[in-house]
N, C-alpha and C. Protein backbone atom coordinates (compact mmCIF):
# COMPACT_ATOMS: atom_id res chain seq x y z
N UNK A 1 98.99 94.92 -81.69
CA UNK A 1 98.81 93.57 -81.23
C UNK A 1 99.74 93.25 -80.06
N UNK A 2 101.03 93.66 -80.16
CA UNK A 2 101.98 93.45 -79.09
C UNK A 2 101.53 94.17 -77.82
N UNK A 3 100.96 95.34 -78.00
CA UNK A 3 100.51 96.15 -76.88
C UNK A 3 99.43 95.39 -76.07
N UNK A 4 98.47 94.79 -76.77
CA UNK A 4 97.38 94.05 -76.10
C UNK A 4 97.91 92.78 -75.44
N UNK A 5 98.88 92.17 -76.03
CA UNK A 5 99.48 90.97 -75.46
C UNK A 5 100.20 91.30 -74.15
N UNK A 6 100.94 92.39 -74.13
CA UNK A 6 101.65 92.81 -72.92
C UNK A 6 100.66 93.20 -71.82
N UNK A 7 99.61 93.95 -72.17
CA UNK A 7 98.60 94.36 -71.18
C UNK A 7 97.89 93.14 -70.60
N UNK A 8 97.50 92.18 -71.44
CA UNK A 8 96.81 90.99 -70.94
C UNK A 8 97.75 90.12 -70.11
N UNK A 9 99.04 90.08 -70.46
CA UNK A 9 100.01 89.34 -69.66
C UNK A 9 100.16 89.98 -68.28
N UNK A 10 100.25 91.29 -68.21
CA UNK A 10 100.36 91.99 -66.92
C UNK A 10 99.10 91.78 -66.08
N UNK A 11 97.93 91.88 -66.68
CA UNK A 11 96.67 91.66 -65.95
C UNK A 11 96.58 90.22 -65.46
N UNK A 12 96.92 89.28 -66.31
CA UNK A 12 96.88 87.86 -65.92
C UNK A 12 97.84 87.56 -64.78
N UNK A 13 99.05 88.12 -64.87
CA UNK A 13 100.04 87.93 -63.82
C UNK A 13 99.57 88.57 -62.51
N UNK A 14 98.98 89.74 -62.57
CA UNK A 14 98.46 90.42 -61.38
C UNK A 14 97.37 89.59 -60.72
N UNK A 15 96.45 89.08 -61.51
CA UNK A 15 95.36 88.24 -60.98
C UNK A 15 95.92 86.97 -60.36
N UNK A 16 96.89 86.37 -61.02
CA UNK A 16 97.51 85.16 -60.49
C UNK A 16 98.20 85.39 -59.16
N UNK A 17 98.95 86.49 -59.03
CA UNK A 17 99.62 86.82 -57.77
C UNK A 17 98.59 87.10 -56.68
N UNK A 18 97.52 87.82 -56.99
CA UNK A 18 96.47 88.12 -56.03
C UNK A 18 95.82 86.83 -55.51
N UNK A 19 95.49 85.92 -56.39
CA UNK A 19 94.87 84.65 -56.00
C UNK A 19 95.83 83.82 -55.17
N UNK A 20 97.11 83.80 -55.52
CA UNK A 20 98.09 83.05 -54.76
C UNK A 20 98.23 83.62 -53.34
N UNK A 21 98.29 84.95 -53.20
CA UNK A 21 98.40 85.59 -51.88
C UNK A 21 97.17 85.27 -51.04
N UNK A 22 95.98 85.37 -51.61
CA UNK A 22 94.74 85.08 -50.88
C UNK A 22 94.69 83.62 -50.44
N UNK A 23 95.20 82.71 -51.24
CA UNK A 23 95.17 81.29 -50.87
C UNK A 23 96.12 80.99 -49.72
N UNK A 24 97.19 81.79 -49.56
CA UNK A 24 98.17 81.56 -48.49
C UNK A 24 97.76 82.21 -47.17
N UNK A 25 96.86 83.16 -47.22
CA UNK A 25 96.41 83.82 -46.00
C UNK A 25 95.38 82.95 -45.29
N UNK A 26 95.46 82.93 -43.96
CA UNK A 26 94.44 82.24 -43.18
C UNK A 26 93.63 83.29 -42.45
N UNK A 27 92.36 83.07 -42.36
CA UNK A 27 91.50 84.03 -41.67
C UNK A 27 91.73 83.91 -40.17
N UNK A 28 91.98 85.04 -39.53
CA UNK A 28 92.24 85.05 -38.10
C UNK A 28 90.93 84.93 -37.33
N UNK A 29 90.90 84.03 -36.36
CA UNK A 29 89.78 83.91 -35.45
C UNK A 29 90.30 84.24 -34.06
N UNK A 30 89.72 85.24 -33.44
CA UNK A 30 90.18 85.63 -32.11
C UNK A 30 89.86 84.54 -31.10
N UNK A 31 90.74 84.35 -30.11
CA UNK A 31 90.43 83.40 -29.05
C UNK A 31 89.14 83.78 -28.33
N UNK A 32 88.47 82.80 -27.74
CA UNK A 32 87.22 83.08 -27.05
C UNK A 32 87.30 82.58 -25.61
N UNK A 33 86.54 83.24 -24.74
CA UNK A 33 86.45 82.86 -23.34
C UNK A 33 85.65 81.58 -23.21
N UNK A 34 86.18 80.61 -22.49
CA UNK A 34 85.44 79.38 -22.19
C UNK A 34 84.82 79.48 -20.80
N UNK A 35 85.64 79.84 -19.80
CA UNK A 35 85.13 79.93 -18.43
C UNK A 35 86.16 80.59 -17.52
N UNK A 36 85.70 80.93 -16.33
CA UNK A 36 86.60 81.33 -15.25
C UNK A 36 86.41 80.27 -14.18
N UNK A 37 87.46 79.48 -13.93
CA UNK A 37 87.40 78.33 -13.04
C UNK A 37 88.34 78.49 -11.85
N UNK A 38 88.25 77.53 -10.96
CA UNK A 38 89.16 77.41 -9.82
C UNK A 38 89.27 78.71 -9.03
N UNK A 39 88.12 79.32 -8.73
CA UNK A 39 88.13 80.55 -7.93
C UNK A 39 88.31 80.14 -6.48
N UNK A 40 89.44 80.56 -5.90
CA UNK A 40 89.77 80.19 -4.52
C UNK A 40 90.08 81.43 -3.71
N UNK A 41 89.54 81.47 -2.50
CA UNK A 41 89.87 82.54 -1.56
C UNK A 41 91.17 82.15 -0.88
N UNK A 42 92.17 83.03 -0.93
CA UNK A 42 93.46 82.70 -0.32
C UNK A 42 93.72 83.47 0.97
N UNK A 43 93.01 84.60 1.18
CA UNK A 43 93.20 85.35 2.42
C UNK A 43 92.01 86.28 2.65
N UNK A 44 91.61 86.38 3.93
CA UNK A 44 90.53 87.30 4.31
C UNK A 44 91.10 88.25 5.37
N UNK A 45 91.16 89.53 5.03
CA UNK A 45 91.66 90.57 5.92
C UNK A 45 90.61 91.68 5.99
N UNK A 46 90.70 92.54 6.99
CA UNK A 46 89.75 93.67 7.04
C UNK A 46 89.91 94.62 5.84
N UNK A 47 91.13 94.66 5.26
CA UNK A 47 91.39 95.57 4.14
C UNK A 47 91.02 94.97 2.80
N UNK A 48 91.13 93.63 2.67
CA UNK A 48 90.90 93.00 1.37
C UNK A 48 90.64 91.50 1.54
N UNK A 49 89.88 90.96 0.59
CA UNK A 49 89.67 89.53 0.48
C UNK A 49 90.36 89.12 -0.82
N UNK A 50 91.39 88.27 -0.72
CA UNK A 50 92.22 87.92 -1.87
C UNK A 50 91.76 86.60 -2.49
N UNK A 51 91.73 86.57 -3.83
CA UNK A 51 91.31 85.40 -4.59
C UNK A 51 92.32 85.09 -5.69
N UNK A 52 92.33 83.83 -6.10
CA UNK A 52 93.01 83.42 -7.33
C UNK A 52 91.96 82.73 -8.20
N UNK A 53 92.19 82.73 -9.50
CA UNK A 53 91.28 82.07 -10.43
C UNK A 53 92.05 81.75 -11.70
N UNK A 54 91.40 80.98 -12.57
CA UNK A 54 92.00 80.62 -13.86
C UNK A 54 90.99 80.95 -14.95
N UNK A 55 91.41 81.81 -15.89
CA UNK A 55 90.58 82.14 -17.04
C UNK A 55 90.96 81.17 -18.15
N UNK A 56 89.99 80.37 -18.61
CA UNK A 56 90.25 79.41 -19.69
C UNK A 56 89.73 79.98 -21.00
N UNK A 57 90.59 79.94 -22.03
CA UNK A 57 90.23 80.46 -23.35
C UNK A 57 90.67 79.44 -24.40
N UNK A 58 90.09 79.58 -25.59
CA UNK A 58 90.43 78.68 -26.70
C UNK A 58 90.92 79.51 -27.88
N UNK A 59 92.05 79.10 -28.45
CA UNK A 59 92.59 79.71 -29.66
C UNK A 59 92.20 78.81 -30.83
N UNK A 60 91.17 79.19 -31.59
CA UNK A 60 90.67 78.38 -32.70
C UNK A 60 91.45 78.62 -33.99
N UNK A 61 92.26 79.65 -34.03
CA UNK A 61 92.98 80.00 -35.25
C UNK A 61 94.10 78.99 -35.51
N UNK A 62 94.53 78.94 -36.75
CA UNK A 62 95.65 78.08 -37.15
C UNK A 62 96.98 78.80 -36.98
N UNK A 63 96.99 79.83 -36.14
CA UNK A 63 98.18 80.65 -35.95
C UNK A 63 98.54 80.75 -34.49
N UNK A 64 99.82 80.82 -34.20
CA UNK A 64 100.28 81.07 -32.84
C UNK A 64 100.10 82.56 -32.55
N UNK A 65 99.74 82.90 -31.32
CA UNK A 65 99.59 84.28 -30.89
C UNK A 65 100.35 84.45 -29.57
N UNK A 66 100.45 85.68 -29.11
CA UNK A 66 101.11 85.94 -27.84
C UNK A 66 100.16 86.72 -26.94
N UNK A 67 99.91 86.18 -25.74
CA UNK A 67 99.10 86.86 -24.74
C UNK A 67 99.93 87.97 -24.12
N UNK A 68 99.32 89.15 -23.96
CA UNK A 68 100.07 90.29 -23.42
C UNK A 68 99.60 90.66 -22.01
N UNK A 69 98.31 91.01 -21.87
CA UNK A 69 97.84 91.42 -20.54
C UNK A 69 96.35 91.14 -20.38
N UNK A 70 95.89 91.30 -19.13
CA UNK A 70 94.50 91.06 -18.79
C UNK A 70 94.00 92.21 -17.92
N UNK A 71 92.84 92.75 -18.28
CA UNK A 71 92.19 93.84 -17.53
C UNK A 71 90.74 93.44 -17.31
N UNK A 72 90.33 93.24 -16.04
CA UNK A 72 88.97 92.81 -15.74
C UNK A 72 88.44 93.63 -14.56
N UNK A 73 87.20 94.08 -14.68
CA UNK A 73 86.50 94.76 -13.59
C UNK A 73 85.52 93.75 -12.98
N UNK A 74 85.49 93.66 -11.66
CA UNK A 74 84.60 92.74 -10.95
C UNK A 74 83.56 93.59 -10.22
N UNK A 75 82.30 93.35 -10.52
CA UNK A 75 81.25 94.17 -9.93
C UNK A 75 80.13 93.31 -9.35
N UNK A 76 79.46 93.90 -8.36
CA UNK A 76 78.29 93.31 -7.74
C UNK A 76 77.23 94.38 -7.75
N UNK A 77 76.15 94.12 -8.47
CA UNK A 77 75.11 95.13 -8.70
C UNK A 77 75.78 96.29 -9.42
N UNK A 78 75.63 97.51 -8.94
CA UNK A 78 76.23 98.64 -9.64
C UNK A 78 77.59 99.03 -9.07
N UNK A 79 78.08 98.32 -8.08
CA UNK A 79 79.34 98.68 -7.42
C UNK A 79 80.50 97.84 -7.95
N UNK A 80 81.62 98.50 -8.21
CA UNK A 80 82.85 97.79 -8.54
C UNK A 80 83.49 97.35 -7.23
N UNK A 81 83.70 96.04 -7.09
CA UNK A 81 84.25 95.52 -5.83
C UNK A 81 85.69 95.05 -5.98
N UNK A 82 86.19 94.93 -7.22
CA UNK A 82 87.57 94.51 -7.43
C UNK A 82 88.00 94.68 -8.86
N UNK A 83 89.31 94.59 -9.09
CA UNK A 83 89.88 94.72 -10.44
C UNK A 83 91.04 93.77 -10.61
N UNK A 84 91.22 93.34 -11.86
CA UNK A 84 92.39 92.56 -12.25
C UNK A 84 93.12 93.40 -13.29
N UNK A 85 94.38 93.64 -13.06
CA UNK A 85 95.21 94.36 -14.03
C UNK A 85 96.60 93.75 -13.94
N UNK A 86 96.89 92.87 -14.89
CA UNK A 86 98.17 92.18 -14.83
C UNK A 86 98.70 91.88 -16.21
N UNK A 87 100.01 91.81 -16.29
CA UNK A 87 100.69 91.47 -17.53
C UNK A 87 101.03 90.00 -17.51
N UNK A 88 100.65 89.30 -18.57
CA UNK A 88 100.96 87.87 -18.70
C UNK A 88 101.55 87.67 -20.08
N UNK A 89 102.85 87.71 -20.22
CA UNK A 89 103.46 87.43 -21.52
C UNK A 89 103.52 85.90 -21.65
N UNK A 90 102.79 85.39 -22.63
CA UNK A 90 102.66 83.94 -22.78
C UNK A 90 102.43 83.63 -24.25
N UNK A 91 103.15 82.65 -24.78
CA UNK A 91 102.93 82.21 -26.16
C UNK A 91 101.79 81.21 -26.19
N UNK A 92 100.85 81.41 -27.12
CA UNK A 92 99.68 80.55 -27.25
C UNK A 92 99.80 79.79 -28.57
N UNK A 93 99.75 78.49 -28.49
CA UNK A 93 99.84 77.64 -29.68
C UNK A 93 98.54 77.68 -30.47
N UNK A 94 98.64 77.42 -31.75
CA UNK A 94 97.47 77.35 -32.64
C UNK A 94 96.59 76.17 -32.22
N UNK A 95 95.29 76.34 -32.39
CA UNK A 95 94.31 75.29 -32.12
C UNK A 95 94.48 74.70 -30.71
N UNK A 96 94.53 75.55 -29.70
CA UNK A 96 94.74 75.04 -28.34
C UNK A 96 93.82 75.73 -27.34
N UNK A 97 93.64 75.09 -26.20
CA UNK A 97 92.96 75.68 -25.06
C UNK A 97 94.06 76.12 -24.10
N UNK A 98 93.96 77.35 -23.62
CA UNK A 98 95.00 77.86 -22.72
C UNK A 98 94.38 78.50 -21.49
N UNK A 99 95.18 78.59 -20.44
CA UNK A 99 94.73 79.14 -19.16
C UNK A 99 95.54 80.37 -18.80
N UNK A 100 94.86 81.34 -18.21
CA UNK A 100 95.50 82.56 -17.74
C UNK A 100 95.23 82.66 -16.23
N UNK A 101 96.24 82.42 -15.39
CA UNK A 101 96.02 82.57 -13.95
C UNK A 101 95.90 84.04 -13.58
N UNK A 102 94.93 84.35 -12.72
CA UNK A 102 94.74 85.74 -12.29
C UNK A 102 94.65 85.79 -10.77
N UNK A 103 94.99 86.94 -10.22
CA UNK A 103 94.85 87.22 -8.79
C UNK A 103 94.07 88.52 -8.67
N UNK A 104 93.17 88.58 -7.70
CA UNK A 104 92.43 89.81 -7.49
C UNK A 104 92.01 89.91 -6.03
N UNK A 105 91.70 91.13 -5.62
CA UNK A 105 91.25 91.41 -4.26
C UNK A 105 89.90 92.09 -4.32
N UNK A 106 89.07 91.75 -3.35
CA UNK A 106 87.76 92.37 -3.21
C UNK A 106 87.84 93.35 -2.04
N UNK A 107 87.34 94.54 -2.23
CA UNK A 107 87.34 95.56 -1.19
C UNK A 107 86.10 95.34 -0.30
N UNK A 108 86.28 94.99 0.99
CA UNK A 108 85.13 94.73 1.86
C UNK A 108 84.20 95.93 2.03
N UNK A 109 84.74 97.14 1.96
CA UNK A 109 83.89 98.34 2.10
C UNK A 109 82.94 98.44 0.91
N UNK A 110 83.47 98.32 -0.29
CA UNK A 110 82.60 98.34 -1.48
C UNK A 110 81.64 97.16 -1.48
N UNK A 111 82.10 96.03 -0.99
CA UNK A 111 81.25 94.85 -0.91
C UNK A 111 80.10 95.09 0.06
N UNK A 112 80.36 95.73 1.19
CA UNK A 112 79.30 96.06 2.14
C UNK A 112 78.28 97.00 1.52
N UNK A 113 78.76 97.98 0.74
CA UNK A 113 77.83 98.88 0.05
C UNK A 113 76.97 98.12 -0.94
N UNK A 114 77.58 97.17 -1.64
CA UNK A 114 76.85 96.40 -2.64
C UNK A 114 75.85 95.45 -2.00
N UNK A 115 76.20 94.88 -0.85
CA UNK A 115 75.33 93.90 -0.20
C UNK A 115 74.28 94.53 0.71
N UNK A 116 74.49 95.78 1.15
CA UNK A 116 73.51 96.45 1.99
C UNK A 116 73.46 95.87 3.40
N UNK A 117 72.30 96.02 4.05
CA UNK A 117 72.12 95.60 5.44
C UNK A 117 72.24 94.08 5.57
N UNK A 118 71.72 93.32 4.60
CA UNK A 118 71.80 91.86 4.68
C UNK A 118 73.24 91.39 4.67
N UNK A 119 74.09 92.07 3.90
CA UNK A 119 75.50 91.71 3.88
C UNK A 119 76.18 91.99 5.20
N UNK A 120 75.84 93.08 5.84
CA UNK A 120 76.42 93.41 7.14
C UNK A 120 75.98 92.42 8.21
N UNK A 121 74.71 92.01 8.17
CA UNK A 121 74.20 91.04 9.14
C UNK A 121 74.88 89.68 8.99
N UNK A 122 75.04 89.20 7.75
CA UNK A 122 75.69 87.90 7.55
C UNK A 122 77.16 87.97 7.96
N UNK A 123 77.81 89.11 7.73
CA UNK A 123 79.21 89.26 8.15
C UNK A 123 79.31 89.22 9.67
N UNK A 124 78.33 89.86 10.36
CA UNK A 124 78.33 89.87 11.82
C UNK A 124 78.09 88.47 12.37
N UNK A 125 77.28 87.66 11.69
CA UNK A 125 76.99 86.32 12.16
C UNK A 125 78.12 85.34 11.85
N UNK A 126 79.07 85.71 11.02
CA UNK A 126 80.22 84.87 10.71
C UNK A 126 79.90 83.69 9.81
N UNK A 127 78.86 83.79 9.02
CA UNK A 127 78.50 82.71 8.11
C UNK A 127 79.46 82.68 6.92
N UNK A 128 79.48 81.52 6.24
CA UNK A 128 80.24 81.46 4.99
C UNK A 128 79.51 82.35 3.99
N UNK A 129 80.24 83.19 3.32
CA UNK A 129 79.63 84.16 2.43
C UNK A 129 79.81 83.75 0.97
N UNK A 130 78.81 84.06 0.16
CA UNK A 130 78.87 83.82 -1.27
C UNK A 130 78.12 84.96 -1.95
N UNK A 131 78.77 85.59 -2.89
CA UNK A 131 78.11 86.70 -3.60
C UNK A 131 78.22 86.49 -5.11
N UNK A 132 77.18 86.87 -5.83
CA UNK A 132 77.28 86.84 -7.29
C UNK A 132 78.05 88.07 -7.78
N UNK A 133 78.96 87.87 -8.71
CA UNK A 133 79.72 88.98 -9.29
C UNK A 133 79.73 88.86 -10.80
N UNK A 134 80.00 89.97 -11.44
CA UNK A 134 80.10 90.01 -12.90
C UNK A 134 81.53 90.39 -13.26
N UNK A 135 82.18 89.55 -14.06
CA UNK A 135 83.52 89.82 -14.58
C UNK A 135 83.35 90.48 -15.94
N UNK A 136 83.93 91.66 -16.11
CA UNK A 136 83.80 92.41 -17.36
C UNK A 136 85.15 93.02 -17.72
N UNK A 137 85.65 92.71 -18.90
CA UNK A 137 86.94 93.27 -19.31
C UNK A 137 87.45 92.61 -20.56
N UNK A 138 88.77 92.46 -20.62
CA UNK A 138 89.38 91.89 -21.82
C UNK A 138 90.75 91.33 -21.50
N UNK A 139 91.22 90.51 -22.39
CA UNK A 139 92.61 90.08 -22.39
C UNK A 139 93.18 90.45 -23.76
N UNK A 140 94.40 90.92 -23.80
CA UNK A 140 95.01 91.38 -25.05
C UNK A 140 95.98 90.35 -25.58
N UNK A 141 95.93 90.14 -26.90
CA UNK A 141 96.88 89.26 -27.57
C UNK A 141 97.55 90.04 -28.69
N UNK A 142 98.71 89.54 -29.10
CA UNK A 142 99.41 90.14 -30.23
C UNK A 142 99.48 89.09 -31.33
N UNK A 143 99.03 89.47 -32.52
CA UNK A 143 99.04 88.60 -33.68
C UNK A 143 99.62 89.37 -34.86
N UNK A 144 100.74 88.92 -35.37
CA UNK A 144 101.45 89.56 -36.49
C UNK A 144 101.65 91.05 -36.24
N UNK A 145 102.05 91.40 -35.01
CA UNK A 145 102.34 92.78 -34.66
C UNK A 145 101.12 93.62 -34.34
N UNK A 146 99.92 93.07 -34.42
CA UNK A 146 98.69 93.80 -34.15
C UNK A 146 98.14 93.34 -32.80
N UNK A 147 97.80 94.29 -31.92
CA UNK A 147 97.22 93.97 -30.62
C UNK A 147 95.71 93.89 -30.75
N UNK A 148 95.13 92.77 -30.28
CA UNK A 148 93.69 92.53 -30.38
C UNK A 148 93.17 92.28 -28.97
N UNK A 149 92.05 92.93 -28.61
CA UNK A 149 91.44 92.74 -27.29
C UNK A 149 90.31 91.72 -27.40
N UNK A 150 90.37 90.69 -26.57
CA UNK A 150 89.33 89.66 -26.54
C UNK A 150 88.44 89.93 -25.33
N UNK A 151 87.15 90.13 -25.54
CA UNK A 151 86.27 90.48 -24.42
C UNK A 151 86.07 89.32 -23.44
N UNK A 152 85.92 89.69 -22.18
CA UNK A 152 85.59 88.74 -21.12
C UNK A 152 84.33 89.27 -20.44
N UNK A 153 83.26 88.52 -20.50
CA UNK A 153 81.99 88.86 -19.87
C UNK A 153 81.39 87.58 -19.32
N UNK A 154 81.31 87.47 -18.00
CA UNK A 154 80.72 86.27 -17.40
C UNK A 154 80.29 86.57 -15.96
N UNK A 155 79.35 85.79 -15.47
CA UNK A 155 78.89 85.89 -14.09
C UNK A 155 79.39 84.67 -13.31
N UNK A 156 79.79 84.90 -12.07
CA UNK A 156 80.28 83.85 -11.19
C UNK A 156 79.84 84.14 -9.77
N UNK A 157 80.05 83.17 -8.88
CA UNK A 157 79.85 83.37 -7.44
C UNK A 157 81.20 83.29 -6.75
N UNK A 158 81.44 84.24 -5.85
CA UNK A 158 82.65 84.20 -5.02
C UNK A 158 82.25 83.72 -3.64
N UNK A 159 82.99 82.75 -3.11
CA UNK A 159 82.69 82.19 -1.79
C UNK A 159 83.94 82.27 -0.92
N UNK A 160 83.74 82.67 0.34
CA UNK A 160 84.84 82.69 1.28
C UNK A 160 84.34 82.41 2.68
């Protein structure tokens, strides 16, 4: 009889501890991309066209996280015309919208390949240029010592 009492006490205590631990844990929700805004051309050179932009994301979790870095490939059609690779150490508050400023350069040679003859003609005429690009990559965050990559996939127009 004592043996069964001790076994049931251990099982009951184990179940109670398990339920208590589960009730204290919050389910992690990864931040999500809202938009890429404020895309501005800051310099046009024969070697590169420089831009700045702001990636807006939302942290829906009830936990603070830390932003580590951002890696984004910028492409037009099948050609890669630019890349973002930067470290942004930033603390992100729970239940907040946050911004990640980025800088990137577009390679005019790759852009000419992507735009073809029409792109070369518009460049020769000196018109204001606007091209559709696809941003593809991720931003990394650290949550409780674990690094999580949040995907970034969106289409935008670059104007200069």
